[in-house]
Amino acid sequence: GGVLVPWPGVLRPYLSGRGRVRVTDATGAE
């Protein structure tokens, strides 16, 4: 189904909870 990019290790300790995640291209348009 695609390419899995793992979370960076420095982010993982913060990734517990609920929140809005947004993924865009570099311009923010897509």
mmCIF file of all heavy atoms, coordinates in Angstrom:
data_MODEL
# 
_entry.id   MODEL 
# 
loop_
_atom_site.group_PDB 
_atom_site.id 
_atom_site.type_symbol 
_atom_site.label_atom_id 
_atom_site.label_alt_id 
_atom_site.label_comp_id 
_atom_site.label_asym_id 
_atom_site.label_entity_id 
_atom_site.label_seq_id 
_atom_site.pdbx_PDB_ins_code 
_atom_site.Cartn_x 
_atom_site.Cartn_y 
_atom_site.Cartn_z 
_atom_site.occupancy 
_atom_site.B_iso_or_equiv 
_atom_site.pdbx_formal_charge 
_atom_site.auth_seq_id 
_atom_site.auth_comp_id 
_atom_site.auth_asym_id 
_atom_site.auth_atom_id 
_atom_site.pdbx_PDB_model_num 
ATOM 1   N N   . GLY A 1 1  ? 0.778  -1.229 0.000  1.00 0.00 ? 1  GLY A N   1 
ATOM 2   C CA  . GLY A 1 1  ? 0.000  0.000  0.000  1.00 0.00 ? 1  GLY A CA  1 
ATOM 3   C C   . GLY A 1 1  ? 0.808  1.277  0.000  1.00 0.00 ? 1  GLY A C   1 
ATOM 4   O O   . GLY A 1 1  ? 0.233  2.370  -0.006 1.00 0.00 ? 1  GLY A O   1 
ATOM 5   N N   . GLY A 1 2  ? 2.120  1.194  0.009  1.00 0.00 ? 2  GLY A N   1 
ATOM 6   C CA  . GLY A 1 2  ? 2.912  2.427  -0.016 1.00 0.00 ? 2  GLY A CA  1 
ATOM 7   C C   . GLY A 1 2  ? 4.246  2.286  0.676  1.00 0.00 ? 2  GLY A C   1 
ATOM 8   O O   . GLY A 1 2  ? 4.867  1.220  0.669  1.00 0.00 ? 2  GLY A O   1 
ATOM 9   N N   . VAL A 1 3  ? 4.705  3.384  1.284  1.00 0.00 ? 3  VAL A N   1 
ATOM 10  C CA  . VAL A 1 3  ? 5.990  3.437  1.981  1.00 0.00 ? 3  VAL A CA  1 
ATOM 11  C C   . VAL A 1 3  ? 5.739  3.877  3.417  1.00 0.00 ? 3  VAL A C   1 
ATOM 12  O O   . VAL A 1 3  ? 5.120  4.934  3.653  1.00 0.00 ? 3  VAL A O   1 
ATOM 13  C CB  . VAL A 1 3  ? 6.960  4.422  1.294  1.00 0.00 ? 3  VAL A CB  1 
ATOM 14  C CG1 . VAL A 1 3  ? 8.257  4.533  2.084  1.00 0.00 ? 3  VAL A CG1 1 
ATOM 15  C CG2 . VAL A 1 3  ? 7.253  3.972  -0.133 1.00 0.00 ? 3  VAL A CG2 1 
ATOM 16  N N   . LEU A 1 4  ? 6.178  3.081  4.377  1.00 0.00 ? 4  LEU A N   1 
ATOM 17  C CA  . LEU A 1 4  ? 6.021  3.423  5.791  1.00 0.00 ? 4  LEU A CA  1 
ATOM 18  C C   . LEU A 1 4  ? 7.266  4.165  6.263  1.00 0.00 ? 4  LEU A C   1 
ATOM 19  O O   . LEU A 1 4  ? 8.371  3.638  6.220  1.00 0.00 ? 4  LEU A O   1 
ATOM 20  C CB  . LEU A 1 4  ? 5.816  2.166  6.639  1.00 0.00 ? 4  LEU A CB  1 
ATOM 21  C CG  . LEU A 1 4  ? 5.698  2.415  8.147  1.00 0.00 ? 4  LEU A CG  1 
ATOM 22  C CD1 . LEU A 1 4  ? 4.407  3.178  8.469  1.00 0.00 ? 4  LEU A CD1 1 
ATOM 23  C CD2 . LEU A 1 4  ? 5.743  1.101  8.926  1.00 0.00 ? 4  LEU A CD2 1 
ATOM 24  N N   . VAL A 1 5  ? 7.070  5.403  6.706  1.00 0.00 ? 5  VAL A N   1 
ATOM 25  C CA  . VAL A 1 5  ? 8.164  6.196  7.271  1.00 0.00 ? 5  VAL A CA  1 
ATOM 26  C C   . VAL A 1 5  ? 8.009  6.176  8.789  1.00 0.00 ? 5  VAL A C   1 
ATOM 27  O O   . VAL A 1 5  ? 7.046  6.734  9.328  1.00 0.00 ? 5  VAL A O   1 
ATOM 28  C CB  . VAL A 1 5  ? 8.141  7.647  6.755  1.00 0.00 ? 5  VAL A CB  1 
ATOM 29  C CG1 . VAL A 1 5  ? 9.338  8.412  7.304  1.00 0.00 ? 5  VAL A CG1 1 
ATOM 30  C CG2 . VAL A 1 5  ? 8.145  7.660  5.228  1.00 0.00 ? 5  VAL A CG2 1 
ATOM 31  N N   . PRO A 1 6  ? 8.921  5.536  9.516  1.00 0.00 ? 6  PRO A N   1 
ATOM 32  C CA  . PRO A 1 6  ? 8.787  5.462  10.982 1.00 0.00 ? 6  PRO A CA  1 
ATOM 33  C C   . PRO A 1 6  ? 8.924  6.843  11.621 1.00 0.00 ? 6  PRO A C   1 
ATOM 34  O O   . PRO A 1 6  ? 9.616  7.721  11.107 1.00 0.00 ? 6  PRO A O   1 
ATOM 35  C CB  . PRO A 1 6  ? 9.949  4.538  11.396 1.00 0.00 ? 6  PRO A CB  1 
ATOM 36  C CG  . PRO A 1 6  ? 10.391 3.858  10.147 1.00 0.00 ? 6  PRO A CG  1 
ATOM 37  C CD  . PRO A 1 6  ? 10.104 4.804  9.024  1.00 0.00 ? 6  PRO A CD  1 
ATOM 38  N N   . TRP A 1 7  ? 8.262  7.036  12.748 1.00 0.00 ? 7  TRP A N   1 
ATOM 39  C CA  . TRP A 1 7  ? 8.449  8.263  13.514 1.00 0.00 ? 7  TRP A CA  1 
ATOM 40  C C   . TRP A 1 7  ? 9.909  8.379  13.968 1.00 0.00 ? 7  TRP A C   1 
ATOM 41  O O   . TRP A 1 7  ? 10.507 7.382  14.357 1.00 0.00 ? 7  TRP A O   1 
ATOM 42  C CB  . TRP A 1 7  ? 7.557  8.262  14.752 1.00 0.00 ? 7  TRP A CB  1 
ATOM 43  C CG  . TRP A 1 7  ? 6.090  8.309  14.487 1.00 0.00 ? 7  TRP A CG  1 
ATOM 44  C CD1 . TRP A 1 7  ? 5.202  7.274  14.599 1.00 0.00 ? 7  TRP A CD1 1 
ATOM 45  C CD2 . TRP A 1 7  ? 5.327  9.457  14.098 1.00 0.00 ? 7  TRP A CD2 1 
ATOM 46  N NE1 . TRP A 1 7  ? 3.934  7.698  14.296 1.00 0.00 ? 7  TRP A NE1 1 
ATOM 47  C CE2 . TRP A 1 7  ? 3.970  9.038  13.978 1.00 0.00 ? 7  TRP A CE2 1 
ATOM 48  C CE3 . TRP A 1 7  ? 5.641  10.784 13.828 1.00 0.00 ? 7  TRP A CE3 1 
ATOM 49  C CZ2 . TRP A 1 7  ? 2.948  9.903  13.617 1.00 0.00 ? 7  TRP A CZ2 1 
ATOM 50  C CZ3 . TRP A 1 7  ? 4.626  11.653 13.464 1.00 0.00 ? 7  TRP A CZ3 1 
ATOM 51  C CH2 . TRP A 1 7  ? 3.300  11.228 13.361 1.00 0.00 ? 7  TRP A CH2 1 
ATOM 52  N N   . PRO A 1 8  ? 10.496 9.553  13.941 1.00 0.00 ? 8  PRO A N   1 
ATOM 53  C CA  . PRO A 1 8  ? 11.848 9.710  14.488 1.00 0.00 ? 8  PRO A CA  1 
ATOM 54  C C   . PRO A 1 8  ? 11.879 9.349  15.968 1.00 0.00 ? 8  PRO A C   1 
ATOM 55  O O   . PRO A 1 8  ? 10.901 9.597  16.702 1.00 0.00 ? 8  PRO A O   1 
ATOM 56  C CB  . PRO A 1 8  ? 12.138 11.207 14.286 1.00 0.00 ? 8  PRO A CB  1 
ATOM 57  C CG  . PRO A 1 8  ? 11.170 11.669 13.249 1.00 0.00 ? 8  PRO A CG  1 
ATOM 58  C CD  . PRO A 1 8  ? 9.955  10.811 13.404 1.00 0.00 ? 8  PRO A CD  1 
ATOM 59  N N   . GLY A 1 9  ? 12.983 8.785  16.389 1.00 0.00 ? 9  GLY A N   1 
ATOM 60  C CA  . GLY A 1 9  ? 13.100 8.390  17.795 1.00 0.00 ? 9  GLY A CA  1 
ATOM 61  C C   . GLY A 1 9  ? 12.883 9.540  18.757 1.00 0.00 ? 9  GLY A C   1 
ATOM 62  O O   . GLY A 1 9  ? 12.300 9.358  19.842 1.00 0.00 ? 9  GLY A O   1 
ATOM 63  N N   . VAL A 1 10 ? 13.328 10.766 18.390 1.00 0.00 ? 10 VAL A N   1 
ATOM 64  C CA  . VAL A 1 10 ? 13.184 11.899 19.312 1.00 0.00 ? 10 VAL A CA  1 
ATOM 65  C C   . VAL A 1 10 ? 11.726 12.312 19.483 1.00 0.00 ? 10 VAL A C   1 
ATOM 66  O O   . VAL A 1 10 ? 11.367 12.957 20.479 1.00 0.00 ? 10 VAL A O   1 
ATOM 67  C CB  . VAL A 1 10 ? 14.018 13.114 18.846 1.00 0.00 ? 10 VAL A CB  1 
ATOM 68  C CG1 . VAL A 1 10 ? 15.498 12.818 18.951 1.00 0.00 ? 10 VAL A CG1 1 
ATOM 69  C CG2 . VAL A 1 10 ? 13.639 13.545 17.433 1.00 0.00 ? 10 VAL A CG2 1 
ATOM 70  N N   . LEU A 1 11 ? 10.850 11.949 18.523 1.00 0.00 ? 11 LEU A N   1 
ATOM 71  C CA  . LEU A 1 11 ? 9.432  12.286 18.636 1.00 0.00 ? 11 LEU A CA  1 
ATOM 72  C C   . LEU A 1 11 ? 8.641  11.254 19.434 1.00 0.00 ? 11 LEU A C   1 
ATOM 73  O O   . LEU A 1 11 ? 7.624  11.592 20.059 1.00 0.00 ? 11 LEU A O   1 
ATOM 74  C CB  . LEU A 1 11 ? 8.802  12.411 17.251 1.00 0.00 ? 11 LEU A CB  1 
ATOM 75  C CG  . LEU A 1 11 ? 8.957  13.726 16.489 1.00 0.00 ? 11 LEU A CG  1 
ATOM 76  C CD1 . LEU A 1 11 ? 8.211  13.656 15.160 1.00 0.00 ? 11 LEU A CD1 1 
ATOM 77  C CD2 . LEU A 1 11 ? 8.440  14.901 17.307 1.00 0.00 ? 11 LEU A CD2 1 
ATOM 78  N N   . ARG A 1 12 ? 9.084  10.009 19.413 1.00 0.00 ? 12 ARG A N   1 
ATOM 79  C CA  . ARG A 1 12 ? 8.271  8.922  19.969 1.00 0.00 ? 12 ARG A CA  1 
ATOM 80  C C   . ARG A 1 12 ? 7.835  9.147  21.426 1.00 0.00 ? 12 ARG A C   1 
ATOM 81  O O   . ARG A 1 12 ? 6.705  8.823  21.792 1.00 0.00 ? 12 ARG A O   1 
ATOM 82  C CB  . ARG A 1 12 ? 8.998  7.590  19.826 1.00 0.00 ? 12 ARG A CB  1 
ATOM 83  C CG  . ARG A 1 12 ? 9.001  7.066  18.388 1.00 0.00 ? 12 ARG A CG  1 
ATOM 84  C CD  . ARG A 1 12 ? 9.542  5.653  18.281 1.00 0.00 ? 12 ARG A CD  1 
ATOM 85  N NE  . ARG A 1 12 ? 9.428  5.155  16.916 1.00 0.00 ? 12 ARG A NE  1 
ATOM 86  C CZ  . ARG A 1 12 ? 8.336  4.616  16.396 1.00 0.00 ? 12 ARG A CZ  1 
ATOM 87  N NH1 . ARG A 1 12 ? 7.248  4.501  17.151 1.00 0.00 ? 12 ARG A NH1 1 
ATOM 88  N NH2 . ARG A 1 12 ? 8.323  4.199  15.149 1.00 0.00 ? 12 ARG A NH2 1 
ATOM 89  N N   . PRO A 1 13 ? 8.690  9.690  22.307 1.00 0.00 ? 13 PRO A N   1 
ATOM 90  C CA  . PRO A 1 13 ? 8.231  9.882  23.690 1.00 0.00 ? 13 PRO A CA  1 
ATOM 91  C C   . PRO A 1 13 ? 7.044  10.832 23.818 1.00 0.00 ? 13 PRO A C   1 
ATOM 92  O O   . PRO A 1 13 ? 6.358  10.827 24.841 1.00 0.00 ? 13 PRO A O   1 
ATOM 93  C CB  . PRO A 1 13 ? 9.472  10.461 24.390 1.00 0.00 ? 13 PRO A CB  1 
ATOM 94  C CG  . PRO A 1 13 ? 10.631 9.991  23.565 1.00 0.00 ? 13 PRO A CG  1 
ATOM 95  C CD  . PRO A 1 13 ? 10.130 9.988  22.158 1.00 0.00 ? 13 PRO A CD  1 
ATOM 96  N N   . TYR A 1 14 ? 6.790  11.653 22.798 1.00 0.00 ? 14 TYR A N   1 
ATOM 97  C CA  . TYR A 1 14 ? 5.691  12.619 22.852 1.00 0.00 ? 14 TYR A CA  1 
ATOM 98  C C   . TYR A 1 14 ? 4.403  12.092 22.228 1.00 0.00 ? 14 TYR A C   1 
ATOM 99  O O   . TYR A 1 14 ? 3.356  12.747 22.343 1.00 0.00 ? 14 TYR A O   1 
ATOM 100 C CB  . TYR A 1 14 ? 6.094  13.902 22.113 1.00 0.00 ? 14 TYR A CB  1 
ATOM 101 C CG  . TYR A 1 14 ? 7.285  14.611 22.700 1.00 0.00 ? 14 TYR A CG  1 
ATOM 102 C CD1 . TYR A 1 14 ? 8.579  14.256 22.329 1.00 0.00 ? 14 TYR A CD1 1 
ATOM 103 C CD2 . TYR A 1 14 ? 7.129  15.632 23.625 1.00 0.00 ? 14 TYR A CD2 1 
ATOM 104 C CE1 . TYR A 1 14 ? 9.681  14.902 22.858 1.00 0.00 ? 14 TYR A CE1 1 
ATOM 105 C CE2 . TYR A 1 14 ? 8.222  16.287 24.168 1.00 0.00 ? 14 TYR A CE2 1 
ATOM 106 C CZ  . TYR A 1 14 ? 9.495  15.922 23.782 1.00 0.00 ? 14 TYR A CZ  1 
ATOM 107 O OH  . TYR A 1 14 ? 10.591 16.559 24.319 1.00 0.00 ? 14 TYR A OH  1 
ATOM 108 N N   . LEU A 1 15 ? 4.487  10.946 21.553 1.00 0.00 ? 15 LEU A N   1 
ATOM 109 C CA  . LEU A 1 15 ? 3.363  10.488 20.730 1.00 0.00 ? 15 LEU A CA  1 
ATOM 110 C C   . LEU A 1 15 ? 2.429  9.580  21.512 1.00 0.00 ? 15 LEU A C   1 
ATOM 111 O O   . LEU A 1 15 ? 2.237  8.407  21.207 1.00 0.00 ? 15 LEU A O   1 
ATOM 112 C CB  . LEU A 1 15 ? 3.896  9.784  19.480 1.00 0.00 ? 15 LEU A CB  1 
ATOM 113 C CG  . LEU A 1 15 ? 4.805  10.639 18.594 1.00 0.00 ? 15 LEU A CG  1 
ATOM 114 C CD1 . LEU A 1 15 ? 5.292  9.845  17.396 1.00 0.00 ? 15 LEU A CD1 1 
ATOM 115 C CD2 . LEU A 1 15 ? 4.087  11.903 18.143 1.00 0.00 ? 15 LEU A CD2 1 
ATOM 116 N N   . SER A 1 16 ? 1.821  10.150 22.538 1.00 0.00 ? 16 SER A N   1 
ATOM 117 C CA  . SER A 1 16 ? 0.822  9.432  23.324 1.00 0.00 ? 16 SER A CA  1 
ATOM 118 C C   . SER A 1 16 ? -0.299 10.403 23.657 1.00 0.00 ? 16 SER A C   1 
ATOM 119 O O   . SER A 1 16 ? -0.121 11.340 24.437 1.00 0.00 ? 16 SER A O   1 
ATOM 120 C CB  . SER A 1 16 ? 1.450  8.864  24.603 1.00 0.00 ? 16 SER A CB  1 
ATOM 121 O OG  . SER A 1 16 ? 0.474  8.147  25.347 1.00 0.00 ? 16 SER A OG  1 
ATOM 122 N N   . GLY A 1 17 ? -1.458 10.206 23.041 1.00 0.00 ? 17 GLY A N   1 
ATOM 123 C CA  . GLY A 1 17 ? -2.588 11.100 23.249 1.00 0.00 ? 17 GLY A CA  1 
ATOM 124 C C   . GLY A 1 17 ? -3.418 11.216 21.989 1.00 0.00 ? 17 GLY A C   1 
ATOM 125 O O   . GLY A 1 17 ? -3.216 10.494 21.015 1.00 0.00 ? 17 GLY A O   1 
ATOM 126 N N   . ARG A 1 18 ? -4.331 12.152 22.019 1.00 0.00 ? 18 ARG A N   1 
ATOM 127 C CA  . ARG A 1 18 ? -5.195 12.385 20.856 1.00 0.00 ? 18 ARG A CA  1 
ATOM 128 C C   . ARG A 1 18 ? -4.960 13.800 20.349 1.00 0.00 ? 18 ARG A C   1 
ATOM 129 O O   . ARG A 1 18 ? -4.836 14.754 21.131 1.00 0.00 ? 18 ARG A O   1 
ATOM 130 C CB  . ARG A 1 18 ? -6.673 12.201 21.206 1.00 0.00 ? 18 ARG A CB  1 
ATOM 131 C CG  . ARG A 1 18 ? -7.050 10.775 21.585 1.00 0.00 ? 18 ARG A CG  1 
ATOM 132 C CD  . ARG A 1 18 ? -8.549 10.579 21.496 1.00 0.00 ? 18 ARG A CD  1 
ATOM 133 N NE  . ARG A 1 18 ? -9.042 10.709 20.124 1.00 0.00 ? 18 ARG A NE  1 
ATOM 134 C CZ  . ARG A 1 18 ? -9.010 9.734  19.219 1.00 0.00 ? 18 ARG A CZ  1 
ATOM 135 N NH1 . ARG A 1 18 ? -8.496 8.541  19.531 1.00 0.00 ? 18 ARG A NH1 1 
ATOM 136 N NH2 . ARG A 1 18 ? -9.497 9.940  18.011 1.00 0.00 ? 18 ARG A NH2 1 
ATOM 137 N N   . GLY A 1 19 ? -4.899 13.933 19.020 1.00 0.00 ? 19 GLY A N   1 
ATOM 138 C CA  . GLY A 1 19 ? -4.698 15.241 18.432 1.00 0.00 ? 19 GLY A CA  1 
ATOM 139 C C   . GLY A 1 19 ? -4.868 15.186 16.927 1.00 0.00 ? 19 GLY A C   1 
ATOM 140 O O   . GLY A 1 19 ? -4.994 14.112 16.328 1.00 0.00 ? 19 GLY A O   1 
ATOM 141 N N   . ARG A 1 20 ? -4.843 16.365 16.315 1.00 0.00 ? 20 ARG A N   1 
ATOM 142 C CA  . ARG A 1 20 ? -5.016 16.462 14.875 1.00 0.00 ? 20 ARG A CA  1 
ATOM 143 C C   . ARG A 1 20 ? -3.661 16.378 14.193 1.00 0.00 ? 20 ARG A C   1 
ATOM 144 O O   . ARG A 1 20 ? -2.739 17.135 14.514 1.00 0.00 ? 20 ARG A O   1 
ATOM 145 C CB  . ARG A 1 20 ? -5.696 17.784 14.525 1.00 0.00 ? 20 ARG A CB  1 
ATOM 146 C CG  . ARG A 1 20 ? -5.943 17.995 13.048 1.00 0.00 ? 20 ARG A CG  1 
ATOM 147 C CD  . ARG A 1 20 ? -6.589 19.351 12.825 1.00 0.00 ? 20 ARG A CD  1 
ATOM 148 N NE  . ARG A 1 20 ? -6.683 19.681 11.415 1.00 0.00 ? 20 ARG A NE  1 
ATOM 149 C CZ  . ARG A 1 20 ? -7.054 20.872 10.966 1.00 0.00 ? 20 ARG A CZ  1 
ATOM 150 N NH1 . ARG A 1 20 ? -7.343 21.837 11.834 1.00 0.00 ? 20 ARG A NH1 1 
ATOM 151 N NH2 . ARG A 1 20 ? -7.117 21.097 9.664  1.00 0.00 ? 20 ARG A NH2 1 
ATOM 152 N N   . VAL A 1 21 ? -3.525 15.452 13.262 1.00 0.00 ? 21 VAL A N   1 
ATOM 153 C CA  . VAL A 1 21 ? -2.293 15.278 12.481 1.00 0.00 ? 21 VAL A CA  1 
ATOM 154 C C   . VAL A 1 21 ? -2.598 15.674 11.036 1.00 0.00 ? 21 VAL A C   1 
ATOM 155 O O   . VAL A 1 21 ? -3.605 15.242 10.460 1.00 0.00 ? 21 VAL A O   1 
ATOM 156 C CB  . VAL A 1 21 ? -1.776 13.833 12.550 1.00 0.00 ? 21 VAL A CB  1 
ATOM 157 C CG1 . VAL A 1 21 ? -0.557 13.661 11.639 1.00 0.00 ? 21 VAL A CG1 1 
ATOM 158 C CG2 . VAL A 1 21 ? -1.426 13.462 13.983 1.00 0.00 ? 21 VAL A CG2 1 
ATOM 159 N N   . ARG A 1 22 ? -1.720 16.499 10.483 1.00 0.00 ? 22 ARG A N   1 
ATOM 160 C CA  . ARG A 1 22 ? -1.902 16.976 9.114  1.00 0.00 ? 22 ARG A CA  1 
ATOM 161 C C   . ARG A 1 22 ? -0.617 16.711 8.341  1.00 0.00 ? 22 ARG A C   1 
ATOM 162 O O   . ARG A 1 22 ? 0.476  17.051 8.812  1.00 0.00 ? 22 ARG A O   1 
ATOM 163 C CB  . ARG A 1 22 ? -2.231 18.474 9.134  1.00 0.00 ? 22 ARG A CB  1 
ATOM 164 C CG  . ARG A 1 22 ? -2.404 19.139 7.769  1.00 0.00 ? 22 ARG A CG  1 
ATOM 165 C CD  . ARG A 1 22 ? -2.726 20.615 7.978  1.00 0.00 ? 22 ARG A CD  1 
ATOM 166 N NE  . ARG A 1 22 ? -2.650 21.388 6.750  1.00 0.00 ? 22 ARG A NE  1 
ATOM 167 C CZ  . ARG A 1 22 ? -3.667 21.619 5.940  1.00 0.00 ? 22 ARG A CZ  1 
ATOM 168 N NH1 . ARG A 1 22 ? -4.867 21.121 6.230  1.00 0.00 ? 22 ARG A NH1 1 
ATOM 169 N NH2 . ARG A 1 22 ? -3.512 22.358 4.852  1.00 0.00 ? 22 ARG A NH2 1 
ATOM 170 N N   . VAL A 1 23 ? -0.744 16.099 7.163  1.00 0.00 ? 23 VAL A N   1 
ATOM 171 C CA  . VAL A 1 23 ? 0.400  15.804 6.295  1.00 0.00 ? 23 VAL A CA  1 
ATOM 172 C C   . VAL A 1 23 ? 0.146  16.485 4.953  1.00 0.00 ? 23 VAL A C   1 
ATOM 173 O O   . VAL A 1 23 ? -0.885 16.255 4.311  1.00 0.00 ? 23 VAL A O   1 
ATOM 174 C CB  . VAL A 1 23 ? 0.592  14.293 6.096  1.00 0.00 ? 23 VAL A CB  1 
ATOM 175 C CG1 . VAL A 1 23 ? 1.827  14.022 5.237  1.00 0.00 ? 23 VAL A CG1 1 
ATOM 176 C CG2 . VAL A 1 23 ? 0.724  13.579 7.442  1.00 0.00 ? 23 VAL A CG2 1 
ATOM 177 N N   . THR A 1 24 ? 1.097  17.335 4.523  1.00 0.00 ? 24 THR A N   1 
ATOM 178 C CA  . THR A 1 24 ? 0.949  18.060 3.261  1.00 0.00 ? 24 THR A CA  1 
ATOM 179 C C   . THR A 1 24 ? 2.250  17.972 2.470  1.00 0.00 ? 24 THR A C   1 
ATOM 180 O O   . THR A 1 24 ? 3.287  17.543 2.986  1.00 0.00 ? 24 THR A O   1 
ATOM 181 C CB  . THR A 1 24 ? 0.635  19.551 3.508  1.00 0.00 ? 24 THR A CB  1 
ATOM 182 O OG1 . THR A 1 24 ? 1.798  20.187 4.063  1.00 0.00 ? 24 THR A OG1 1 
ATOM 183 C CG2 . THR A 1 24 ? -0.525 19.707 4.466  1.00 0.00 ? 24 THR A CG2 1 
ATOM 184 N N   . ASP A 1 25 ? 2.184  18.417 1.212  1.00 0.00 ? 25 ASP A N   1 
ATOM 185 C CA  . ASP A 1 25 ? 3.432  18.564 0.467  1.00 0.00 ? 25 ASP A CA  1 
ATOM 186 C C   . ASP A 1 25 ? 4.158  19.807 0.981  1.00 0.00 ? 25 ASP A C   1 
ATOM 187 O O   . ASP A 1 25 ? 3.665  20.527 1.850  1.00 0.00 ? 25 ASP A O   1 
ATOM 188 C CB  . ASP A 1 25 ? 3.177  18.630 -1.036 1.00 0.00 ? 25 ASP A CB  1 
ATOM 189 C CG  . ASP A 1 25 ? 2.467  19.906 -1.462 1.00 0.00 ? 25 ASP A CG  1 
ATOM 190 O OD1 . ASP A 1 25 ? 2.014  20.685 -0.591 1.00 0.00 ? 25 ASP A OD1 1 
ATOM 191 O OD2 . ASP A 1 25 ? 2.348  20.134 -2.680 1.00 0.00 ? 25 ASP A OD2 1 
ATOM 192 N N   . ALA A 1 26 ? 5.355  20.079 0.440  1.00 0.00 ? 26 ALA A N   1 
ATOM 193 C CA  . ALA A 1 26 ? 6.189  21.159 0.969  1.00 0.00 ? 26 ALA A CA  1 
ATOM 194 C C   . ALA A 1 26 ? 5.550  22.529 0.798  1.00 0.00 ? 26 ALA A C   1 
ATOM 195 O O   . ALA A 1 26 ? 5.842  23.452 1.560  1.00 0.00 ? 26 ALA A O   1 
ATOM 196 C CB  . ALA A 1 26 ? 7.565  21.135 0.310  1.00 0.00 ? 26 ALA A CB  1 
ATOM 197 N N   . THR A 1 27 ? 4.662  22.682 -0.182 1.00 0.00 ? 27 THR A N   1 
ATOM 198 C CA  . THR A 1 27 ? 4.011  23.974 -0.400 1.00 0.00 ? 27 THR A CA  1 
ATOM 199 C C   . THR A 1 27 ? 2.776  24.154 0.465  1.00 0.00 ? 27 THR A C   1 
ATOM 200 O O   . THR A 1 27 ? 2.279  25.277 0.631  1.00 0.00 ? 27 THR A O   1 
ATOM 201 C CB  . THR A 1 27 ? 3.592  24.127 -1.875 1.00 0.00 ? 27 THR A CB  1 
ATOM 202 O OG1 . THR A 1 27 ? 2.533  23.195 -2.165 1.00 0.00 ? 27 THR A OG1 1 
ATOM 203 C CG2 . THR A 1 27 ? 4.772  23.879 -2.800 1.00 0.00 ? 27 THR A CG2 1 
ATOM 204 N N   . GLY A 1 28 ? 2.267  23.059 1.020  1.00 0.00 ? 28 GLY A N   1 
ATOM 205 C CA  . GLY A 1 28 ? 1.033  23.106 1.793  1.00 0.00 ? 28 GLY A CA  1 
ATOM 206 C C   . GLY A 1 28 ? -0.222 23.014 0.956  1.00 0.00 ? 28 GLY A C   1 
ATOM 207 O O   . GLY A 1 28 ? -1.335 22.968 1.489  1.00 0.00 ? 28 GLY A O   1 
ATOM 208 N N   . ALA A 1 29 ? -0.084 22.981 -0.373 1.00 0.00 ? 29 ALA A N   1 
ATOM 209 C CA  . ALA A 1 29 ? -1.250 22.977 -1.261 1.00 0.00 ? 29 ALA A CA  1 
ATOM 210 C C   . ALA A 1 29 ? -1.913 21.606 -1.325 1.00 0.00 ? 29 ALA A C   1 
ATOM 211 O O   . ALA A 1 29 ? -3.144 21.505 -1.415 1.00 0.00 ? 29 ALA A O   1 
ATOM 212 C CB  . ALA A 1 29 ? -0.834 23.422 -2.659 1.00 0.00 ? 29 ALA A CB  1 
ATOM 213 N N   . GLU A 1 30 ? -1.122 20.536 -1.320 1.00 0.00 ? 30 GLU A N   1 
ATOM 214 C CA  . GLU A 1 30 ? -1.659 19.175 -1.406 1.00 0.00 ? 30 GLU A CA  1 
ATOM 215 C C   . GLU A 1 30 ? -1.743 18.577 -0.005 1.00 0.00 ? 30 GLU A C   1 
ATOM 216 O O   . GLU A 1 30 ? -0.735 18.439 0.681  1.00 0.00 ? 30 GLU A O   1 
ATOM 217 C CB  . GLU A 1 30 ? -0.772 18.298 -2.292 1.00 0.00 ? 30 GLU A CB  1 
ATOM 218 C CG  . GLU A 1 30 ? -1.284 16.876 -2.443 1.00 0.00 ? 30 GLU A CG  1 
ATOM 219 C CD  . GLU A 1 30 ? -0.327 15.985 -3.215 1.00 0.00 ? 30 GLU A CD  1 
ATOM 220 O OE1 . GLU A 1 30 ? 0.712  16.496 -3.693 1.00 0.00 ? 30 GLU A OE1 1 
ATOM 221 O OE2 . GLU A 1 30 ? -0.612 14.776 -3.339 1.00 0.00 ? 30 GLU A OE2 1 
# 
